[in-house]
Amino acid sequence: IMRLFYSVLVASLAFAGVAFAAGPNENLFGNTVVITSATGVTKAMVNADNTYETHLADGSVVKGTWAADGANTCYTQTEPAPAAEMKPFCTPNEARAVGDKWEAKGPDGSAVKFELVAGN
């Protein structure tokens, strides 16, 4: 349960404010979102085939799919199989470019830092 909760947290923080629709945001494909928090460094990769992969700080990997509807992008965990009550996480689309850095607050109020870096 904790691992599933953590993977949802990472996905929500990793992708918050990042658009994955084709077009001006294609630069996210083949690049990495590096997430630094109190629990360590997590790396998330988004693929043009509507999949994503998140490498958690503890070495585990979470995989899933994403879908953009214009205003939002929603992420659905597929591996490991999520708990029955786990719903897709949706976030508003907002463009980011390689080299961008930004911060957000985690669910516990702690600072989380993000950076979009070139390559996987």
Protein backbone atom coordinates (compact mmCIF):
# COMPACT_ATOMS: atom_id res chain seq x y z
CA ILE A 1 0.00 0.00 0.00
CA MET A 2 2.76 2.47 0.90
CA ARG A 3 4.59 1.77 -2.36
CA LEU A 4 1.39 2.40 -4.34
CA PHE A 5 0.72 5.60 -2.39
CA TYR A 6 4.29 6.73 -3.01
CA SER A 7 4.08 5.97 -6.74
CA VAL A 8 0.90 8.05 -7.03
CA LEU A 9 2.62 10.84 -5.14
CA VAL A 10 5.65 10.69 -7.42
CA ALA A 11 3.54 10.61 -10.57
CA SER A 12 1.48 13.54 -9.41
CA LEU A 13 4.50 15.59 -8.48
CA ALA A 14 6.61 14.55 -11.44
CA PHE A 15 4.06 15.48 -13.98
CA ALA A 16 2.27 18.38 -12.31
CA GLY A 17 2.24 21.26 -14.70
CA VAL A 18 3.82 19.37 -17.58
CA ALA A 19 1.91 18.86 -20.82
CA PHE A 20 2.42 15.66 -22.76
CA ALA A 21 0.35 16.36 -25.84
CA ALA A 22 2.09 16.33 -29.20
CA GLY A 23 2.98 19.68 -30.72
CA PRO A 24 4.92 22.32 -28.83
CA ASN A 25 5.55 19.91 -25.94
CA GLU A 26 7.14 17.10 -27.94
CA ASN A 27 10.49 18.04 -26.37
CA LEU A 28 9.43 16.07 -23.27
CA PHE A 29 9.63 12.80 -25.19
CA GLY A 30 13.04 11.21 -24.79
CA ASN A 31 13.91 13.47 -21.86
CA THR A 32 13.75 13.05 -18.09
CA VAL A 33 11.93 14.86 -15.30
CA VAL A 34 14.26 14.74 -12.28
CA ILE A 35 12.37 15.10 -9.00
CA THR A 36 14.28 15.87 -5.82
CA SER A 37 12.50 15.62 -2.48
CA ALA A 38 13.26 14.71 1.11
CA THR A 39 12.95 11.03 0.14
CA GLY A 40 15.62 11.25 -2.57
CA VAL A 41 15.85 11.61 -6.34
CA THR A 42 13.21 10.15 -8.65
CA LYS A 43 13.39 10.13 -12.45
CA ALA A 44 10.35 10.08 -14.73
CA MET A 45 10.35 9.50 -18.48
CA VAL A 46 7.40 10.17 -20.76
CA ASN A 47 7.18 8.42 -24.11
CA ALA A 48 5.50 9.47 -27.34
CA ASP A 49 3.61 6.14 -27.37
CA ASN A 50 1.47 7.33 -24.42
CA THR A 51 3.45 5.45 -21.77
CA TYR A 52 5.54 6.64 -18.84
CA GLU A 53 8.11 5.08 -16.53
CA THR A 54 9.11 6.39 -13.11
CA HIS A 55 12.26 5.21 -11.33
CA LEU A 56 11.69 5.78 -7.61
CA ALA A 57 14.42 6.71 -5.16
CA ASP A 58 14.26 3.21 -3.63
CA GLY A 59 15.14 1.63 -7.00
CA SER A 60 11.66 0.39 -7.83
CA VAL A 61 9.99 1.21 -11.15
CA VAL A 62 6.40 2.28 -11.77
CA LYS A 63 4.94 2.19 -15.29
CA GLY A 64 1.73 3.43 -16.78
CA THR A 65 -0.04 5.23 -19.56
CA TRP A 66 -0.99 8.86 -20.13
CA ALA A 67 -3.70 10.55 -22.19
CA ALA A 68 -4.16 14.25 -22.98
CA ASP A 69 -7.61 15.73 -23.54
CA GLY A 70 -6.54 19.28 -24.44
CA ALA A 71 -6.73 20.98 -21.06
CA ASN A 72 -5.47 18.09 -18.93
CA THR A 73 -3.23 15.06 -19.01
CA CYS A 74 -4.20 12.00 -16.98
CA TYR A 75 -1.83 9.26 -15.83
CA THR A 76 -2.88 5.70 -15.08
CA GLN A 77 -0.49 3.33 -13.30
CA THR A 78 -0.36 -0.15 -14.86
CA GLU A 79 2.74 -1.75 -13.24
CA PRO A 80 2.82 -2.78 -10.52
CA ALA A 81 -0.92 -3.32 -10.59
CA PRO A 82 -2.47 -0.47 -8.60
CA ALA A 83 -4.83 -0.87 -5.68
CA ALA A 84 -8.49 -1.07 -6.70
CA GLU A 85 -9.24 2.35 -5.20
CA MET A 86 -6.40 4.06 -7.09
CA LYS A 87 -7.77 6.39 -9.75
CA PRO A 88 -5.92 8.09 -12.64
CA PHE A 89 -4.18 11.32 -11.68
CA CYS A 90 -5.02 14.32 -13.88
CA THR A 91 -3.17 17.63 -14.05
CA PRO A 92 -3.61 20.76 -16.19
CA ASN A 93 -1.31 20.97 -19.21
CA GLU A 94 1.49 23.50 -18.95
CA ALA A 95 4.48 23.56 -21.28
CA ARG A 96 8.02 22.96 -20.01
CA ALA A 97 11.29 22.99 -21.94
CA VAL A 98 14.60 21.17 -21.43
CA GLY A 99 16.51 23.09 -18.77
CA ASP A 100 13.38 24.34 -16.97
CA LYS A 101 13.44 24.08 -13.19
CA TRP A 102 10.44 24.56 -10.92
CA GLU A 103 9.24 23.80 -7.42
CA ALA A 104 6.02 22.52 -5.91
CA LYS A 105 4.87 21.42 -2.50
CA GLY A 106 4.40 17.76 -1.71
CA PRO A 107 1.28 16.50 0.05
CA ASP A 108 3.04 16.96 3.38
CA GLY A 109 3.91 20.59 2.55
CA SER A 110 7.60 19.91 1.95
CA ALA A 111 9.40 21.44 -1.03
CA VAL A 112 9.88 19.30 -4.12
CA LYS A 113 12.21 20.40 -6.92
CA PHE A 114 11.83 19.46 -10.58
CA GLU A 115 14.10 19.77 -13.58
CA LEU A 116 13.55 18.71 -17.19
CA VAL A 117 16.87 17.35 -18.47
CA ALA A 118 17.87 16.15 -21.92
CA GLY A 119 17.95 12.40 -22.52
CA ASN A 120 16.81 9.40 -20.51
